[in-house]
Amino acid sequence: MFKGTIRFNLDPFSNYSDEEVWNALEAVELKGLVQQIDKKLEGEVRENGSNFSAGEKQLFCLARAILRHNKFLSILFFDF
């Protein structure tokens, strides 16, 4: 994770709506955590994501992949 905001870490080019970002966070069960953070999507991410656990950082990465409709995830989870 990069220093900046939660939103920037999930969508650095602002390609997605807030609703889409929240849906990705909900899919990986991080929505509740982010809702508790001051400024929510605009909440701070420290250098290397040091303010999040290793598991939370992995879930943020998964949320980013879900948001981008990663083909690998589609094969794993949606093409049964």
C-alpha atoms as a PDB file:
ATOM      1  CA  MET A   1       0.000   0.000   0.000  1.00  0.00           C
ATOM      2  CA  PHE A   2       1.101   3.540  -0.692  1.00  0.00           C
ATOM      3  CA  LYS A   3       1.034   6.600   1.515  1.00  0.00           C
ATOM      4  CA  GLY A   4      -2.120   8.558   0.707  1.00  0.00           C
ATOM      5  CA  THR A   5      -5.810   7.873   1.145  1.00  0.00           C
ATOM      6  CA  ILE A   6      -7.744   4.644   1.187  1.00  0.00           C
ATOM      7  CA  ARG A   7      -9.517   5.738  -1.975  1.00  0.00           C
ATOM      8  CA  PHE A   8      -6.227   6.485  -3.747  1.00  0.00           C
ATOM      9  CA  ASN A   9      -4.919   3.038  -2.832  1.00  0.00           C
ATOM     10  CA  LEU A  10      -7.996   1.373  -4.300  1.00  0.00           C
ATOM     11  CA  ASP A  11      -8.549   3.659  -7.289  1.00  0.00           C
ATOM     12  CA  PRO A  12      -5.479   5.829  -8.015  1.00  0.00           C
ATOM     13  CA  PHE A  13      -6.877   7.189 -11.290  1.00  0.00           C
ATOM     14  CA  SER A  14     -10.411   7.905  -9.996  1.00  0.00           C
ATOM     15  CA  ASN A  15     -11.983   5.572 -12.547  1.00  0.00           C
ATOM     16  CA  TYR A  16     -14.698   4.289 -10.222  1.00  0.00           C
ATOM     17  CA  SER A  17     -17.583   5.807  -8.298  1.00  0.00           C
ATOM     18  CA  ASP A  18     -17.750   5.858  -4.517  1.00  0.00           C
ATOM     19  CA  GLU A  19     -20.499   3.245  -4.727  1.00  0.00           C
ATOM     20  CA  GLU A  20     -18.245   0.888  -6.695  1.00  0.00           C
ATOM     21  CA  VAL A  21     -15.405   1.401  -4.206  1.00  0.00           C
ATOM     22  CA  TRP A  22     -17.725   0.731  -1.267  1.00  0.00           C
ATOM     23  CA  ASN A  23     -19.063  -2.404  -3.005  1.00  0.00           C
ATOM     24  CA  ALA A  24     -15.519  -3.733  -3.436  1.00  0.00           C
ATOM     25  CA  LEU A  25     -14.782  -3.035   0.233  1.00  0.00           C
ATOM     26  CA  GLU A  26     -17.991  -4.794   1.213  1.00  0.00           C
ATOM     27  CA  ALA A  27     -17.069  -7.811  -0.912  1.00  0.00           C
ATOM     28  CA  VAL A  28     -13.868  -8.302   1.099  1.00  0.00           C
ATOM     29  CA  GLU A  29     -15.525  -7.396   4.421  1.00  0.00           C
ATOM     30  CA  LEU A  30     -13.559  -4.158   4.937  1.00  0.00           C
ATOM     31  CA  LYS A  31     -16.518  -1.802   4.631  1.00  0.00           C
ATOM     32  CA  GLY A  32     -17.158  -1.755   8.387  1.00  0.00           C
ATOM     33  CA  LEU A  33     -13.505  -1.022   9.147  1.00  0.00           C
ATOM     34  CA  VAL A  34     -13.332   1.871   6.676  1.00  0.00           C
ATOM     35  CA  GLN A  35     -16.628   3.308   7.935  1.00  0.00           C
ATOM     36  CA  GLN A  36     -15.079   3.558  11.415  1.00  0.00           C
ATOM     37  CA  ILE A  37     -12.074   5.553  10.155  1.00  0.00           C
ATOM     38  CA  ASP A  38     -12.197   9.351  10.278  1.00  0.00           C
ATOM     39  CA  LYS A  39     -12.768  10.665   6.748  1.00  0.00           C
ATOM     40  CA  LYS A  40     -13.700   7.127   5.608  1.00  0.00           C
ATOM     41  CA  LEU A  41     -12.485   6.727   1.980  1.00  0.00           C
ATOM     42  CA  GLU A  42     -10.342   9.822   2.407  1.00  0.00           C
ATOM     43  CA  GLY A  43      -8.784   8.318   5.546  1.00  0.00           C
ATOM     44  CA  GLU A  44      -5.016   8.161   5.795  1.00  0.00           C
ATOM     45  CA  VAL A  45      -2.888   5.235   4.716  1.00  0.00           C
ATOM     46  CA  ARG A  46       0.582   5.519   6.198  1.00  0.00           C
ATOM     47  CA  GLU A  47       3.780   4.494   4.426  1.00  0.00           C
ATOM     48  CA  ASN A  48       3.558   0.789   3.465  1.00  0.00           C
ATOM     49  CA  GLY A  49       0.100   0.658   5.039  1.00  0.00           C
ATOM     50  CA  SER A  50       1.667   0.532   8.500  1.00  0.00           C
ATOM     51  CA  ASN A  51      -1.638   1.515  10.113  1.00  0.00           C
ATOM     52  CA  PHE A  52      -3.256  -1.725   8.881  1.00  0.00           C
ATOM     53  CA  SER A  53      -2.565  -5.357   9.715  1.00  0.00           C
ATOM     54  CA  ALA A  54      -1.027  -7.715   7.166  1.00  0.00           C
ATOM     55  CA  GLY A  55      -4.411  -9.367   6.628  1.00  0.00           C
ATOM     56  CA  GLU A  56      -6.161  -6.036   6.122  1.00  0.00           C
ATOM     57  CA  LYS A  57      -3.541  -5.005   3.562  1.00  0.00           C
ATOM     58  CA  GLN A  58      -4.145  -8.257   1.672  1.00  0.00           C
ATOM     59  CA  LEU A  59      -7.880  -7.599   1.695  1.00  0.00           C
ATOM     60  CA  PHE A  60      -7.321  -4.072   0.345  1.00  0.00           C
ATOM     61  CA  CYS A  61      -5.328  -5.605  -2.520  1.00  0.00           C
ATOM     62  CA  LEU A  62      -8.152  -8.052  -3.185  1.00  0.00           C
ATOM     63  CA  ALA A  63     -10.673  -5.187  -3.134  1.00  0.00           C
ATOM     64  CA  ARG A  64      -8.551  -3.328  -5.687  1.00  0.00           C
ATOM     65  CA  ALA A  65      -8.543  -6.394  -7.950  1.00  0.00           C
ATOM     66  CA  ILE A  66     -12.307  -6.796  -7.582  1.00  0.00           C
ATOM     67  CA  LEU A  67     -12.834  -3.135  -8.392  1.00  0.00           C
ATOM     68  CA  ARG A  68     -10.811  -3.505 -11.597  1.00  0.00           C
ATOM     69  CA  HIS A  69     -12.736  -6.633 -12.629  1.00  0.00           C
ATOM     70  CA  ASN A  70      -9.513  -8.622 -12.721  1.00  0.00           C
ATOM     71  CA  LYS A  71      -9.862 -11.523 -15.186  1.00  0.00           C
ATOM     72  CA  PHE A  72      -8.024 -13.919 -12.890  1.00  0.00           C
ATOM     73  CA  LEU A  73     -10.577 -13.331 -10.133  1.00  0.00           C
ATOM     74  CA  SER A  74     -13.399 -13.815 -12.595  1.00  0.00           C
ATOM     75  CA  ILE A  75     -12.017 -17.225 -13.515  1.00  0.00           C
ATOM     76  CA  LEU A  76     -11.565 -18.215  -9.866  1.00  0.00           C
ATOM     77  CA  PHE A  77     -14.863 -17.001  -8.495  1.00  0.00           C
ATOM     78  CA  PHE A  78     -17.364 -16.542 -11.279  1.00  0.00           C
ATOM     79  CA  ASP A  79     -16.726 -19.173 -13.976  1.00  0.00           C
ATOM     80  CA  PHE A  80     -17.856 -22.353 -12.262  1.00  0.00           C
END
